[in-house]
Amino acid sequence: MAFRIVTPYSAVNTPIDGTPNRITWIPNCTEKHATEIDIIITSFNSNQDKWPGKNKMGTKLIGSYNLNNGETVWIIFWTIPMPDLSALSGKAFQFYKGRNKQDLTSKNLRAIGFAEGSDE
C-alpha cells in the first residue's frame, strides 16, 4: 500500500457536469460509508483482469501502470464503513484554526488527513 484516500459520503457534494476527457469519475458511496481509493505497488506484473482485492474485497479498478522495474502500480476503489474518527488524538493530531473534535461528527464532514502506519 503506497497511499490511501478516504472520502466520506458527505464530502461529495458537487454533481458531475459533463464528461471531461482523461478523468475517471467514481460514484459516491451510500450514507454512513466512505469511498477508499488505494494506490498499491506490487512486485509482479499481473494480468490486468486480476487487481488487488478484486475478489475478496470487491474493489474496482481505476487504472494500472507497469513500471520499468517490472512492478505494477494499481489504483483501485471500494466502499467501506465510515471510519470511527472519535478515537483520534495525540500531539500529531491537529485541526485547522477554528475547528475541533466535534467537527468530526458533522453530517457535512470535509477533512484532509495524513497518517503513516503498517500495511496490515
Protein backbone atom coordinates (compact mmCIF):
# COMPACT_ATOMS: atom_id res chain seq x y z
CA MET A 1 0.00 0.00 0.00
CA ALA A 2 1.61 3.25 -1.11
CA PHE A 3 -1.23 5.66 -0.34
CA ARG A 4 -4.85 5.60 0.81
CA ILE A 5 -7.50 8.29 0.29
CA VAL A 6 -10.76 8.02 2.27
CA THR A 7 -13.63 10.29 1.23
CA PRO A 8 -16.78 10.38 3.40
CA TYR A 9 -20.19 10.28 1.71
CA SER A 10 -20.93 13.83 2.88
CA ALA A 11 -17.79 15.30 1.30
CA VAL A 12 -19.05 14.65 -2.22
CA ASN A 13 -21.45 17.49 -2.87
CA THR A 14 -20.77 18.67 -6.41
CA PRO A 15 -22.63 16.90 -9.23
CA ILE A 16 -20.72 15.76 -12.28
CA ASP A 17 -21.28 18.29 -15.05
CA GLY A 18 -20.23 16.89 -18.39
CA THR A 19 -17.54 14.32 -19.03
CA PRO A 20 -14.09 15.90 -19.35
CA ASN A 21 -11.54 13.78 -21.17
CA ARG A 22 -8.96 11.79 -19.21
CA ILE A 23 -10.95 11.85 -15.95
CA THR A 24 -12.32 8.71 -14.34
CA TRP A 25 -15.41 9.56 -12.29
CA ILE A 26 -16.04 7.42 -9.21
CA PRO A 27 -19.62 7.11 -7.95
CA ASN A 28 -20.29 8.39 -4.45
CA CYS A 29 -20.90 5.78 -1.77
CA THR A 30 -24.06 5.50 0.30
CA GLU A 31 -24.72 7.42 3.51
CA LYS A 32 -22.71 6.32 6.59
CA HIS A 33 -19.97 4.99 4.29
CA ALA A 34 -16.80 6.28 2.69
CA THR A 35 -15.04 5.66 -0.60
CA GLU A 36 -11.49 4.40 -0.20
CA ILE A 37 -9.05 4.88 -3.06
CA ASP A 38 -5.88 2.83 -2.74
CA ILE A 39 -2.63 3.15 -4.63
CA ILE A 40 -0.84 -0.19 -4.42
CA ILE A 41 2.50 -1.27 -5.85
CA THR A 42 3.01 -4.96 -6.48
CA SER A 43 6.27 -6.68 -7.30
CA PHE A 44 4.72 -8.65 -10.13
CA ASN A 45 3.23 -7.63 -13.44
CA SER A 46 -0.10 -9.36 -13.06
CA ASN A 47 -2.88 -9.88 -15.55
CA GLN A 48 -4.82 -6.61 -15.81
CA ASP A 49 -8.02 -8.53 -15.01
CA LYS A 50 -6.69 -9.58 -11.57
CA TRP A 51 -6.06 -6.45 -9.49
CA PRO A 52 -5.55 -6.43 -5.70
CA GLY A 53 -8.74 -7.02 -3.71
CA LYS A 54 -10.94 -7.69 -6.73
CA ASN A 55 -12.42 -10.95 -5.49
CA LYS A 56 -12.12 -10.86 -1.70
CA MET A 57 -12.81 -7.14 -1.10
CA GLY A 58 -14.90 -6.20 -4.12
CA THR A 59 -12.55 -3.44 -5.25
CA LYS A 60 -12.99 -1.78 -8.62
CA LEU A 61 -10.13 -0.83 -10.90
CA ILE A 62 -9.49 2.81 -11.81
CA GLY A 63 -6.26 2.08 -13.66
CA SER A 64 -2.84 0.47 -13.58
CA TYR A 65 0.64 1.28 -14.80
CA ASN A 66 3.57 -1.02 -15.47
CA LEU A 67 6.89 0.31 -14.20
CA ASN A 68 10.22 -0.26 -15.93
CA ASN A 69 11.42 -2.42 -13.00
CA GLY A 70 8.61 -4.95 -13.55
CA GLU A 71 6.39 -3.72 -10.73
CA THR A 72 2.81 -2.60 -11.26
CA VAL A 73 1.05 0.43 -9.77
CA TRP A 74 -2.66 -0.23 -9.19
CA ILE A 75 -5.28 2.43 -8.44
CA ILE A 76 -8.45 0.87 -7.05
CA PHE A 77 -11.50 1.95 -5.06
CA TRP A 78 -14.13 0.38 -2.86
CA THR A 79 -16.81 1.33 -0.33
CA ILE A 80 -16.04 0.98 3.38
CA PRO A 81 -18.00 1.74 6.55
CA MET A 82 -17.35 5.30 7.69
CA PRO A 83 -14.23 5.16 9.92
CA ASP A 84 -14.69 5.98 13.60
CA LEU A 85 -12.82 9.25 14.00
CA SER A 86 -13.69 9.71 17.68
CA ALA A 87 -10.55 7.86 18.83
CA LEU A 88 -8.16 10.25 17.06
CA SER A 89 -5.97 12.10 19.50
CA GLY A 90 -2.40 12.88 20.42
CA LYS A 91 0.16 15.53 19.67
CA ALA A 92 0.37 14.68 15.99
CA PHE A 93 -3.37 15.20 15.54
CA GLN A 94 -4.21 18.79 14.63
CA PHE A 95 -7.23 20.75 13.46
CA TYR A 96 -7.44 23.74 11.19
CA LYS A 97 -7.76 27.05 13.05
CA GLY A 98 -11.26 27.40 14.48
CA ARG A 99 -12.07 23.66 14.22
CA ASN A 100 -12.21 21.00 16.93
CA LYS A 101 -13.03 17.34 17.58
CA GLN A 102 -16.81 17.98 17.41
CA ASP A 103 -16.41 18.94 13.75
CA LEU A 104 -15.57 15.27 13.02
CA THR A 105 -19.19 14.31 13.81
CA SER A 106 -20.68 16.77 11.33
CA LYS A 107 -23.08 15.44 8.69
CA ASN A 108 -21.16 17.60 6.21
CA LEU A 109 -17.69 16.31 7.05
CA ARG A 110 -14.95 17.59 4.77
CA ALA A 111 -11.46 16.86 6.02
CA ILE A 112 -7.92 16.12 4.99
CA GLY A 113 -5.89 13.63 6.97
CA PHE A 114 -2.41 12.26 6.64
CA ALA A 115 -1.03 9.32 8.57
CA GLU A 116 1.51 6.58 8.42
CA GLY A 117 1.31 3.00 9.53
CA SER A 118 1.88 -0.60 8.59
CA ASP A 119 0.25 -2.19 5.56
CA GLU A 120 -1.57 -4.70 7.76
